[in-house]
N, C-alpha and C. Protein backbone atom coordinates (compact mmCIF):
# COMPACT_ATOMS: atom_id res chain seq x y z
N ARG A 1 108.97 49.59 87.37
CA ARG A 1 108.49 50.68 86.51
C ARG A 1 109.22 51.98 86.83
N MET A 2 109.41 52.23 88.11
CA MET A 2 110.13 53.45 88.49
C MET A 2 111.55 53.43 87.94
N LYS A 3 112.19 52.27 87.98
CA LYS A 3 113.53 52.13 87.47
C LYS A 3 113.58 52.44 85.98
N ASN A 4 112.59 51.95 85.22
CA ASN A 4 112.52 52.22 83.79
C ASN A 4 112.34 53.71 83.53
N ASN A 5 111.48 54.35 84.34
CA ASN A 5 111.25 55.78 84.17
C ASN A 5 112.52 56.58 84.43
N LEU A 6 113.29 56.16 85.47
CA LEU A 6 114.54 56.85 85.78
C LEU A 6 115.54 56.67 84.65
N SER A 7 115.59 55.47 84.06
CA SER A 7 116.50 55.23 82.95
C SER A 7 116.15 56.10 81.77
N MET A 8 114.83 56.20 81.47
CA MET A 8 114.39 57.05 80.36
C MET A 8 114.74 58.51 80.63
N LEU A 9 114.59 58.94 81.90
CA LEU A 9 114.90 60.32 82.25
C LEU A 9 116.38 60.60 82.03
N CYS A 10 117.24 59.64 82.40
CA CYS A 10 118.68 59.81 82.21
C CYS A 10 119.02 59.94 80.73
N VAL A 11 118.37 59.13 79.89
CA VAL A 11 118.63 59.19 78.45
C VAL A 11 118.19 60.54 77.89
N ILE A 12 117.02 61.02 78.33
CA ILE A 12 116.50 62.30 77.86
C ILE A 12 117.42 63.44 78.27
N LEU A 13 117.89 63.43 79.53
CA LEU A 13 118.78 64.47 80.00
C LEU A 13 120.10 64.44 79.25
N PHE A 14 120.60 63.24 78.95
CA PHE A 14 121.84 63.13 78.20
C PHE A 14 121.68 63.74 76.83
N CYS A 15 120.56 63.48 76.18
CA CYS A 15 120.33 64.03 74.84
C CYS A 15 120.16 65.53 74.88
N ILE A 16 119.56 66.05 75.95
CA ILE A 16 119.39 67.49 76.08
C ILE A 16 120.74 68.17 76.25
N LEU A 17 121.63 67.55 77.03
CA LEU A 17 122.89 68.18 77.36
C LEU A 17 123.99 67.88 76.36
N SER A 18 123.85 66.82 75.59
CA SER A 18 124.94 66.40 74.71
C SER A 18 124.77 66.96 73.30
N PRO A 19 125.86 67.55 72.71
CA PRO A 19 125.80 68.04 71.33
C PRO A 19 125.54 66.93 70.33
N ILE A 20 125.83 65.67 70.69
CA ILE A 20 125.63 64.57 69.77
C ILE A 20 124.16 64.45 69.38
N CYS A 21 123.25 64.86 70.29
CA CYS A 21 121.82 64.70 70.05
C CYS A 21 121.19 65.94 69.42
N ILE A 22 121.99 66.94 69.10
CA ILE A 22 121.43 68.18 68.56
C ILE A 22 121.28 68.05 67.05
N HIS A 23 120.05 68.18 66.57
CA HIS A 23 119.78 68.17 65.14
C HIS A 23 119.67 69.61 64.66
N GLY A 24 120.28 69.93 63.53
CA GLY A 24 120.28 71.31 63.09
C GLY A 24 121.17 72.17 63.96
N TRP A 25 122.24 71.59 64.45
CA TRP A 25 123.18 72.26 65.34
C TRP A 25 123.64 73.57 64.73
N SER A 26 123.56 74.69 65.49
CA SER A 26 123.79 76.01 64.92
C SER A 26 125.08 76.67 65.40
N ALA A 27 125.83 76.03 66.30
CA ALA A 27 127.08 76.63 66.75
C ALA A 27 128.05 76.77 65.58
N ASN A 28 128.84 77.84 65.60
CA ASN A 28 129.76 78.11 64.49
C ASN A 28 131.20 78.04 65.00
N PRO A 29 131.97 77.03 64.57
CA PRO A 29 133.35 76.90 65.05
C PRO A 29 134.33 77.86 64.38
N VAL A 30 133.90 78.55 63.32
CA VAL A 30 134.78 79.49 62.61
C VAL A 30 134.77 80.82 63.36
N PRO A 31 135.93 81.31 63.78
CA PRO A 31 135.97 82.54 64.58
C PRO A 31 135.62 83.78 63.78
N ASN A 32 135.19 84.80 64.48
CA ASN A 32 134.96 86.10 63.87
C ASN A 32 136.30 86.65 63.37
N PRO A 33 136.40 87.04 62.09
CA PRO A 33 137.69 87.52 61.55
C PRO A 33 138.29 88.67 62.36
N GLY A 34 137.43 89.47 62.96
CA GLY A 34 137.93 90.60 63.75
C GLY A 34 138.61 90.19 65.03
N ALA A 35 138.46 88.91 65.42
CA ALA A 35 139.08 88.42 66.65
C ALA A 35 140.40 87.71 66.40
N VAL A 36 140.80 87.59 65.13
CA VAL A 36 141.95 86.77 64.74
C VAL A 36 143.18 87.64 64.47
N VAL A 37 144.32 87.22 65.05
CA VAL A 37 145.61 87.84 64.78
C VAL A 37 146.54 86.74 64.27
N THR A 38 147.00 86.86 63.02
CA THR A 38 147.87 85.85 62.41
C THR A 38 149.24 86.43 62.15
N SER A 39 150.27 85.63 62.44
CA SER A 39 151.64 86.03 62.18
C SER A 39 152.43 84.81 61.74
N GLY A 40 152.57 84.63 60.42
CA GLY A 40 153.31 83.49 59.91
C GLY A 40 152.68 82.17 60.31
N GLN A 41 153.41 81.38 61.10
CA GLN A 41 152.96 80.04 61.48
C GLN A 41 152.09 80.01 62.75
N VAL A 42 151.74 81.16 63.27
CA VAL A 42 150.92 81.18 64.48
C VAL A 42 149.64 81.98 64.24
N ARG A 43 148.60 81.58 64.94
CA ARG A 43 147.34 82.31 64.89
C ARG A 43 146.79 82.41 66.30
N PHE A 44 146.39 83.60 66.68
CA PHE A 44 145.77 83.84 67.98
C PHE A 44 144.35 84.34 67.75
N THR A 45 143.41 83.75 68.47
CA THR A 45 142.01 84.16 68.37
C THR A 45 141.54 84.65 69.73
N VAL A 46 141.16 85.92 69.80
CA VAL A 46 140.71 86.51 71.06
C VAL A 46 139.21 86.21 71.19
N LEU A 47 138.90 85.09 71.86
CA LEU A 47 137.50 84.66 71.99
C LEU A 47 136.74 85.52 72.99
N THR A 48 137.37 85.85 74.11
CA THR A 48 136.82 86.79 75.08
C THR A 48 137.99 87.57 75.65
N SER A 49 137.72 88.52 76.52
CA SER A 49 138.80 89.31 77.11
C SER A 49 139.66 88.47 78.05
N ARG A 50 139.21 87.24 78.37
CA ARG A 50 139.96 86.35 79.25
C ARG A 50 140.40 85.06 78.55
N VAL A 51 139.95 84.83 77.32
CA VAL A 51 140.24 83.56 76.65
C VAL A 51 140.87 83.83 75.28
N ILE A 52 142.08 83.29 75.07
CA ILE A 52 142.76 83.42 73.78
C ILE A 52 143.13 82.02 73.29
N ARG A 53 142.72 81.71 72.07
CA ARG A 53 143.12 80.44 71.44
C ARG A 53 144.46 80.67 70.75
N MET A 54 145.41 79.77 71.01
CA MET A 54 146.76 79.89 70.48
C MET A 54 147.06 78.69 69.59
N GLU A 55 147.44 78.94 68.34
CA GLU A 55 147.69 77.85 67.39
C GLU A 55 149.04 78.02 66.70
N PHE A 56 149.71 76.90 66.48
CA PHE A 56 150.92 76.88 65.67
C PHE A 56 150.74 75.84 64.58
N SER A 57 151.08 76.20 63.34
CA SER A 57 150.99 75.28 62.21
C SER A 57 152.17 75.51 61.29
N GLU A 58 152.96 74.47 61.07
CA GLU A 58 154.13 74.61 60.20
C GLU A 58 153.75 75.01 58.79
N ASN A 59 152.61 74.49 58.30
CA ASN A 59 152.20 74.82 56.93
C ASN A 59 151.15 75.93 56.87
N GLN A 60 150.93 76.58 58.02
CA GLN A 60 150.01 77.72 58.10
C GLN A 60 148.58 77.35 57.70
N GLN A 61 148.21 76.07 57.93
CA GLN A 61 146.85 75.60 57.68
C GLN A 61 146.17 75.41 59.05
N PHE A 62 145.41 76.38 59.46
CA PHE A 62 144.82 76.36 60.79
C PHE A 62 143.43 75.70 60.76
N ARG A 63 143.06 75.13 61.87
CA ARG A 63 141.84 74.34 61.97
C ARG A 63 140.66 75.16 62.51
N ASP A 64 139.51 74.97 61.90
CA ASP A 64 138.30 75.66 62.34
C ASP A 64 137.14 74.70 62.61
N PHE A 65 137.41 73.39 62.69
CA PHE A 65 136.33 72.45 62.95
C PHE A 65 136.03 72.41 64.45
N PRO A 66 134.81 72.04 64.84
CA PRO A 66 134.46 71.96 66.27
C PRO A 66 135.11 70.75 66.93
N THR A 67 135.56 70.93 68.14
CA THR A 67 136.13 69.83 68.91
C THR A 67 135.18 69.47 70.04
N PHE A 68 135.49 68.37 70.71
CA PHE A 68 134.62 67.88 71.78
C PHE A 68 134.49 68.90 72.90
N GLY A 69 135.52 69.72 73.10
CA GLY A 69 135.47 70.71 74.18
C GLY A 69 135.02 72.07 73.72
N ILE A 70 135.32 72.44 72.47
CA ILE A 70 135.01 73.78 71.96
C ILE A 70 134.15 73.66 70.72
N LEU A 71 132.86 73.97 70.85
CA LEU A 71 131.93 73.86 69.74
C LEU A 71 131.78 75.17 68.97
N ASN A 72 131.78 76.29 69.70
CA ASN A 72 131.49 77.58 69.07
C ASN A 72 132.64 78.56 69.31
N ARG A 73 133.13 79.16 68.22
CA ARG A 73 134.16 80.20 68.33
C ARG A 73 133.68 81.52 67.73
N GLN A 74 132.43 81.56 67.29
CA GLN A 74 131.87 82.78 66.71
C GLN A 74 131.30 83.62 67.85
N THR A 75 132.19 84.29 68.57
CA THR A 75 131.81 85.10 69.72
C THR A 75 131.88 86.59 69.38
N THR A 76 131.27 87.39 70.22
CA THR A 76 131.37 88.84 70.06
C THR A 76 132.82 89.26 70.29
N VAL A 77 133.37 90.02 69.37
CA VAL A 77 134.78 90.40 69.47
C VAL A 77 134.98 91.34 70.65
N PRO A 78 135.81 90.96 71.62
CA PRO A 78 136.05 91.85 72.76
C PRO A 78 136.99 92.99 72.37
N SER A 79 137.07 93.98 73.21
CA SER A 79 138.00 95.08 72.96
C SER A 79 139.42 94.61 73.22
N PHE A 80 140.30 94.75 72.22
CA PHE A 80 141.70 94.39 72.39
C PHE A 80 142.55 95.15 71.39
N THR A 81 143.84 95.20 71.64
CA THR A 81 144.78 95.82 70.72
C THR A 81 145.87 94.81 70.37
N SER A 82 146.43 94.92 69.18
CA SER A 82 147.56 94.08 68.78
C SER A 82 148.57 94.95 68.04
N SER A 83 149.84 94.68 68.29
CA SER A 83 150.90 95.45 67.65
C SER A 83 152.17 94.61 67.62
N THR A 84 153.08 94.96 66.72
CA THR A 84 154.38 94.29 66.63
C THR A 84 155.46 95.35 66.74
N ASP A 85 156.36 95.15 67.71
CA ASP A 85 157.43 96.12 67.95
C ASP A 85 158.72 95.36 68.23
N ASN A 86 159.76 95.66 67.46
CA ASN A 86 161.06 95.00 67.64
C ASN A 86 160.94 93.47 67.59
N GLY A 87 160.09 92.98 66.70
CA GLY A 87 159.95 91.54 66.51
C GLY A 87 159.10 90.84 67.55
N VAL A 88 158.40 91.59 68.37
CA VAL A 88 157.54 91.00 69.40
C VAL A 88 156.09 91.38 69.14
N LEU A 89 155.24 90.36 68.97
CA LEU A 89 153.81 90.59 68.79
C LEU A 89 153.16 90.67 70.16
N SER A 90 152.36 91.70 70.38
CA SER A 90 151.66 91.87 71.66
C SER A 90 150.16 91.97 71.41
N ILE A 91 149.40 91.24 72.21
CA ILE A 91 147.94 91.30 72.19
C ILE A 91 147.49 91.63 73.61
N THR A 92 146.73 92.71 73.75
CA THR A 92 146.33 93.16 75.08
C THR A 92 144.82 93.31 75.16
N THR A 93 144.23 92.68 76.19
CA THR A 93 142.81 92.85 76.48
C THR A 93 142.68 93.54 77.83
N GLU A 94 141.46 93.61 78.32
CA GLU A 94 141.23 94.24 79.62
C GLU A 94 141.92 93.49 80.75
N TYR A 95 142.11 92.17 80.56
CA TYR A 95 142.59 91.35 81.66
C TYR A 95 143.97 90.73 81.46
N LEU A 96 144.49 90.71 80.23
CA LEU A 96 145.77 90.02 80.02
C LEU A 96 146.55 90.62 78.87
N GLU A 97 147.85 90.31 78.87
CA GLU A 97 148.72 90.72 77.78
C GLU A 97 149.52 89.51 77.31
N LEU A 98 149.39 89.16 76.04
CA LEU A 98 150.13 88.05 75.43
C LEU A 98 151.26 88.62 74.59
N THR A 99 152.45 88.01 74.69
CA THR A 99 153.56 88.40 73.84
C THR A 99 154.16 87.16 73.18
N TYR A 100 154.54 87.31 71.91
CA TYR A 100 155.12 86.21 71.14
C TYR A 100 156.25 86.74 70.27
N GLN A 101 157.37 86.03 70.27
CA GLN A 101 158.52 86.41 69.44
C GLN A 101 158.24 85.98 68.00
N VAL A 102 158.01 86.95 67.14
CA VAL A 102 157.60 86.69 65.76
C VAL A 102 158.65 85.84 65.04
N GLY A 103 158.17 84.80 64.33
CA GLY A 103 159.03 83.97 63.52
C GLY A 103 159.87 82.98 64.30
N SER A 104 159.54 82.75 65.57
CA SER A 104 160.37 81.88 66.41
C SER A 104 159.85 80.44 66.49
N GLY A 105 158.83 80.12 65.70
CA GLY A 105 158.37 78.74 65.62
C GLY A 105 157.36 78.35 66.68
N ASN A 106 157.32 77.05 66.97
CA ASN A 106 156.34 76.51 67.91
C ASN A 106 156.53 77.13 69.29
N PHE A 107 155.50 77.09 70.10
CA PHE A 107 155.49 77.78 71.37
C PHE A 107 156.46 77.15 72.37
N THR A 108 157.25 77.99 73.01
CA THR A 108 158.18 77.57 74.05
C THR A 108 158.10 78.59 75.19
N GLU A 109 158.78 78.27 76.29
CA GLU A 109 158.78 79.21 77.40
C GLU A 109 159.58 80.47 77.09
N GLU A 110 160.45 80.40 76.04
CA GLU A 110 161.23 81.58 75.67
C GLU A 110 160.49 82.53 74.74
N ASN A 111 159.57 82.01 73.90
CA ASN A 111 158.99 82.88 72.87
C ASN A 111 157.53 83.27 73.11
N LEU A 112 156.89 82.68 74.12
CA LEU A 112 155.47 82.97 74.35
C LEU A 112 155.21 83.13 75.85
N SER A 113 154.48 84.16 76.20
CA SER A 113 154.09 84.34 77.60
C SER A 113 152.78 85.13 77.66
N VAL A 114 152.07 84.94 78.74
CA VAL A 114 150.83 85.68 78.99
C VAL A 114 150.90 86.23 80.41
N LYS A 115 150.69 87.52 80.54
CA LYS A 115 150.74 88.18 81.85
C LYS A 115 149.35 88.70 82.20
N LEU A 116 148.90 88.39 83.42
CA LEU A 116 147.62 88.91 83.88
C LEU A 116 147.81 90.36 84.32
N ILE A 117 146.92 91.23 83.87
CA ILE A 117 147.01 92.64 84.20
C ILE A 117 146.65 92.87 85.66
N GLN A 118 145.68 92.13 86.16
CA GLN A 118 145.30 92.24 87.56
C GLN A 118 146.02 91.18 88.38
N GLN A 119 146.37 91.51 89.60
CA GLN A 119 147.03 90.56 90.49
C GLN A 119 146.05 89.51 90.99
N VAL A 120 146.57 88.36 91.36
CA VAL A 120 145.78 87.28 91.95
C VAL A 120 146.21 87.14 93.40
N SER A 121 145.29 87.44 94.31
CA SER A 121 145.60 87.41 95.76
C SER A 121 146.82 88.25 96.08
N GLY A 122 146.91 89.41 95.43
CA GLY A 122 148.01 90.32 95.69
C GLY A 122 149.33 89.97 95.04
N VAL A 123 149.32 88.97 94.15
CA VAL A 123 150.55 88.51 93.50
C VAL A 123 150.43 88.67 91.99
N SER A 124 151.49 89.19 91.35
CA SER A 124 151.53 89.30 89.89
C SER A 124 151.67 87.90 89.29
N VAL A 125 150.88 87.61 88.25
CA VAL A 125 150.85 86.27 87.68
C VAL A 125 151.16 86.33 86.19
N SER A 126 152.02 85.42 85.74
CA SER A 126 152.29 85.25 84.32
C SER A 126 152.35 83.77 84.01
N TRP A 127 152.12 83.42 82.75
CA TRP A 127 152.12 82.02 82.31
C TRP A 127 153.06 81.86 81.14
N ASN A 128 153.76 80.70 81.09
CA ASN A 128 154.47 80.29 79.90
C ASN A 128 154.30 78.78 79.74
N VAL A 129 154.82 78.24 78.65
CA VAL A 129 154.56 76.85 78.30
C VAL A 129 155.03 75.88 79.38
N SER A 130 156.09 76.23 80.10
CA SER A 130 156.64 75.30 81.09
C SER A 130 155.99 75.44 82.47
N ALA A 131 155.05 76.39 82.63
CA ALA A 131 154.43 76.61 83.94
C ALA A 131 153.62 75.39 84.37
N ALA A 132 153.82 74.95 85.60
CA ALA A 132 153.11 73.78 86.13
C ALA A 132 151.75 74.22 86.70
N PRO A 133 150.68 73.52 86.32
CA PRO A 133 149.33 73.89 86.79
C PRO A 133 149.04 73.39 88.21
N THR A 134 149.88 73.76 89.16
CA THR A 134 149.78 73.21 90.51
C THR A 134 148.51 73.65 91.24
N GLY A 135 147.91 74.78 90.81
CA GLY A 135 146.71 75.24 91.47
C GLY A 135 145.43 74.80 90.78
N ASN A 136 145.57 73.96 89.74
CA ASN A 136 144.39 73.51 88.99
C ASN A 136 143.49 72.66 89.88
N LEU A 137 142.18 72.85 89.75
CA LEU A 137 141.22 72.12 90.58
C LEU A 137 140.88 70.74 90.01
N LEU A 138 141.59 70.34 88.96
CA LEU A 138 141.55 68.99 88.39
C LEU A 138 140.23 68.68 87.70
N GLY A 139 140.31 67.76 86.75
CA GLY A 139 139.15 67.41 85.95
C GLY A 139 138.70 66.00 86.18
N THR A 140 138.71 65.20 85.13
CA THR A 140 138.17 63.85 85.25
C THR A 140 138.88 62.92 84.27
N ILE A 141 138.52 61.64 84.31
CA ILE A 141 139.02 60.67 83.35
C ILE A 141 137.84 59.95 82.72
N ARG A 142 138.12 59.23 81.64
CA ARG A 142 137.06 58.61 80.85
C ARG A 142 136.34 57.49 81.60
N THR A 143 137.08 56.65 82.33
CA THR A 143 136.48 55.49 82.96
C THR A 143 137.29 55.06 84.17
N LEU A 144 136.65 54.34 85.07
CA LEU A 144 137.32 53.75 86.22
C LEU A 144 137.53 52.25 86.04
N ASP A 145 137.28 51.75 84.83
CA ASP A 145 137.50 50.33 84.55
C ASP A 145 138.95 49.96 84.83
N ASP A 146 139.15 48.80 85.44
CA ASP A 146 140.47 48.24 85.72
C ASP A 146 141.28 49.08 86.72
N GLN A 147 140.62 50.04 87.38
CA GLN A 147 141.32 50.83 88.39
C GLN A 147 141.17 50.15 89.75
N ASP A 148 142.23 50.19 90.55
CA ASP A 148 142.21 49.58 91.87
C ASP A 148 142.70 50.61 92.88
N GLY A 149 141.79 51.11 93.68
CA GLY A 149 142.17 52.13 94.65
C GLY A 149 141.99 53.53 94.09
N SER A 150 142.67 54.48 94.72
CA SER A 150 142.53 55.88 94.31
C SER A 150 143.14 56.11 92.94
N VAL A 151 142.61 57.10 92.22
CA VAL A 151 143.05 57.41 90.87
C VAL A 151 143.56 58.85 90.83
N PRO A 152 144.83 59.09 90.53
CA PRO A 152 145.35 60.46 90.46
C PRO A 152 144.76 61.21 89.27
N LEU A 153 144.33 62.46 89.49
CA LEU A 153 143.75 63.26 88.42
C LEU A 153 144.67 64.38 87.96
N TYR A 154 145.87 64.45 88.55
CA TYR A 154 146.84 65.46 88.12
C TYR A 154 147.57 64.93 86.89
N CYS A 155 147.07 65.29 85.72
CA CYS A 155 147.53 64.70 84.46
C CYS A 155 149.03 64.82 84.20
N PRO A 156 149.70 65.95 84.55
CA PRO A 156 151.13 66.05 84.26
C PRO A 156 151.98 64.94 84.88
N GLU A 157 151.48 64.29 85.91
CA GLU A 157 152.25 63.23 86.55
C GLU A 157 151.93 61.84 85.99
N ARG A 158 151.06 61.77 84.97
CA ARG A 158 150.71 60.49 84.37
C ARG A 158 151.45 60.35 83.03
N SER A 159 151.68 59.12 82.62
CA SER A 159 152.39 58.87 81.37
C SER A 159 151.52 59.27 80.18
N GLU A 160 152.15 59.52 79.02
CA GLU A 160 151.41 59.88 77.81
C GLU A 160 150.44 58.77 77.42
N GLU A 161 150.89 57.53 77.53
CA GLU A 161 150.03 56.39 77.19
C GLU A 161 148.82 56.33 78.12
N ASP A 162 149.05 56.59 79.39
CA ASP A 162 147.97 56.56 80.37
C ASP A 162 146.98 57.69 80.11
N ILE A 163 147.50 58.87 79.78
CA ILE A 163 146.63 60.01 79.49
C ILE A 163 145.79 59.74 78.26
N TYR A 164 146.40 59.15 77.24
CA TYR A 164 145.67 58.84 76.00
C TYR A 164 144.53 57.87 76.26
N ASP A 165 144.80 56.86 77.09
CA ASP A 165 143.79 55.84 77.37
C ASP A 165 142.70 56.35 78.30
N SER A 166 143.09 57.14 79.29
CA SER A 166 142.12 57.58 80.30
C SER A 166 141.43 58.89 79.92
N HIS A 167 141.97 59.58 78.90
CA HIS A 167 141.47 60.91 78.52
C HIS A 167 141.56 61.88 79.70
N CYS A 168 142.62 61.76 80.47
CA CYS A 168 142.81 62.63 81.64
C CYS A 168 142.82 64.09 81.19
N THR A 169 141.99 64.91 81.81
CA THR A 169 141.85 66.31 81.42
C THR A 169 141.83 67.19 82.66
N LEU A 170 142.62 68.24 82.64
CA LEU A 170 142.60 69.19 83.74
C LEU A 170 141.36 70.08 83.66
N SER A 171 141.06 70.74 84.75
CA SER A 171 139.91 71.63 84.83
C SER A 171 140.23 72.97 84.18
N VAL A 172 139.19 73.72 83.82
CA VAL A 172 139.39 75.09 83.34
C VAL A 172 139.25 76.08 84.49
N ILE A 173 139.18 75.57 85.72
CA ILE A 173 139.12 76.39 86.92
C ILE A 173 140.40 76.14 87.72
N SER A 174 141.06 77.22 88.13
CA SER A 174 142.36 77.05 88.79
C SER A 174 142.64 78.20 89.75
N ARG A 175 143.33 77.89 90.83
CA ARG A 175 143.78 78.91 91.77
C ARG A 175 145.03 79.63 91.25
N ASP A 176 145.60 79.13 90.16
CA ASP A 176 146.79 79.78 89.58
C ASP A 176 146.46 81.12 88.95
N GLY A 177 145.21 81.33 88.61
CA GLY A 177 144.83 82.53 87.87
C GLY A 177 144.77 82.29 86.38
N TRP A 178 145.12 81.07 85.94
CA TRP A 178 145.08 80.70 84.53
C TRP A 178 144.82 79.20 84.40
N ALA A 179 144.34 78.79 83.25
CA ALA A 179 144.14 77.38 82.95
C ALA A 179 144.31 77.19 81.46
N ILE A 180 144.83 76.01 81.06
CA ILE A 180 145.07 75.69 79.66
C ILE A 180 144.18 74.52 79.26
N TYR A 181 143.52 74.66 78.11
CA TYR A 181 142.78 73.54 77.53
C TYR A 181 143.41 73.25 76.16
N ASN A 182 143.99 72.07 76.02
CA ASN A 182 144.67 71.70 74.78
C ASN A 182 143.73 70.86 73.92
N ASP A 183 143.31 71.40 72.79
CA ASP A 183 142.39 70.64 71.91
C ASP A 183 143.09 70.19 70.63
N SER A 184 144.41 69.99 70.70
CA SER A 184 145.17 69.57 69.52
C SER A 184 144.76 68.19 69.02
N SER A 185 144.46 67.28 69.95
CA SER A 185 144.21 65.89 69.54
C SER A 185 142.95 65.32 70.17
N VAL A 186 141.99 66.18 70.51
CA VAL A 186 140.75 65.69 71.10
C VAL A 186 139.76 65.32 70.00
N PRO A 187 138.75 64.52 70.32
CA PRO A 187 137.74 64.14 69.33
C PRO A 187 137.02 65.37 68.77
N THR A 188 136.46 65.20 67.58
CA THR A 188 135.80 66.31 66.90
C THR A 188 134.34 65.97 66.63
N PHE A 189 133.63 66.96 66.11
CA PHE A 189 132.26 66.75 65.66
C PHE A 189 132.20 67.02 64.16
N THR A 190 131.52 66.15 63.44
CA THR A 190 131.39 66.30 62.00
C THR A 190 129.92 66.27 61.62
N THR A 191 129.61 66.77 60.44
CA THR A 191 128.24 66.80 59.94
C THR A 191 128.15 66.02 58.64
N ASP A 192 127.23 65.06 58.55
CA ASP A 192 127.09 64.29 57.32
C ASP A 192 126.02 64.92 56.43
N ASN A 193 125.63 64.22 55.38
CA ASN A 193 124.67 64.77 54.42
C ASN A 193 123.29 65.00 55.01
N SER A 194 123.00 64.37 56.14
CA SER A 194 121.70 64.55 56.78
C SER A 194 121.69 65.73 57.73
N ASN A 195 122.84 66.42 57.84
CA ASN A 195 123.01 67.56 58.74
C ASN A 195 122.96 67.18 60.21
N TRP A 196 123.10 65.89 60.51
CA TRP A 196 123.24 65.46 61.89
C TRP A 196 124.68 65.66 62.33
N THR A 197 124.87 66.04 63.58
CA THR A 197 126.20 66.21 64.13
C THR A 197 126.66 64.91 64.76
N TRP A 198 127.85 64.43 64.33
CA TRP A 198 128.34 63.14 64.78
C TRP A 198 129.68 63.31 65.50
N TYR A 199 129.93 62.40 66.44
CA TYR A 199 131.19 62.32 67.15
C TYR A 199 132.24 61.69 66.24
N GLY A 200 133.41 62.31 66.10
CA GLY A 200 134.43 61.79 65.21
C GLY A 200 135.79 61.73 65.88
N PRO A 201 136.74 61.03 65.28
CA PRO A 201 138.09 60.91 65.85
C PRO A 201 138.85 62.22 65.72
N PRO A 202 139.96 62.36 66.47
CA PRO A 202 140.81 63.54 66.30
C PRO A 202 141.26 63.67 64.86
N GLN A 203 141.38 64.91 64.37
CA GLN A 203 141.79 65.14 62.99
C GLN A 203 143.31 65.09 62.89
N PRO A 204 143.87 64.42 61.88
CA PRO A 204 145.31 64.31 61.75
C PRO A 204 145.94 65.59 61.20
N GLY A 205 147.26 65.67 61.34
CA GLY A 205 147.98 66.75 60.71
C GLY A 205 148.09 67.99 61.58
N ASP A 206 148.51 69.09 60.96
CA ASP A 206 148.68 70.36 61.65
C ASP A 206 147.32 70.88 62.13
N PRO A 207 147.29 71.80 63.11
CA PRO A 207 148.47 72.32 63.79
C PRO A 207 148.95 71.38 64.88
N SER A 208 150.24 71.47 65.21
CA SER A 208 150.78 70.60 66.25
C SER A 208 150.38 71.10 67.63
N THR A 209 150.01 72.35 67.73
CA THR A 209 149.61 72.91 69.02
C THR A 209 148.37 73.77 68.84
N SER A 210 147.37 73.53 69.65
CA SER A 210 146.18 74.37 69.67
C SER A 210 145.63 74.39 71.08
N CYS A 211 145.73 75.54 71.71
CA CYS A 211 145.30 75.66 73.11
C CYS A 211 144.33 76.80 73.29
């Protein structure tokens, strides 16, 4: 009987914590227009003074549906400035400065960078696409089925096929001073005619990059 009670408790806790069990789900994945900076094929959304969503879309069709990791983007607009000077778009918040070379296409280490305004352990920190997340505190994988021995959680050292199968995901906590969450191809949540929120497959098509 105790075992049955514990099983029921686990199911109840899962439903409390999981968005799949939320009826009348009220989170809004569409960002506040005042937080959005668009320039041609790229869109930046300043979700907080420390979090910026970066998107590239060849056809300029940006996505606003909820993903498995990001349910709500309707946040209070933080204080920030944006300007374009000599072909460089700059977005500055209290904690960081993002720069992007306007019209240069998908994100690369040459056209996109983010610099932290405050030092980390006395060191100036900046990020670009090629930066290795060596200080990341690591995340998890989907399952340990068919695993024999220790399982590496540093995703950059695993093959694309392995990452796809294991859903290897890095942590959003890092000693680097920055962390990247890529939601370009993660599962989504959809709503049917009953207004129930359901787990769905990744959405096809653009944008090719959404972080």
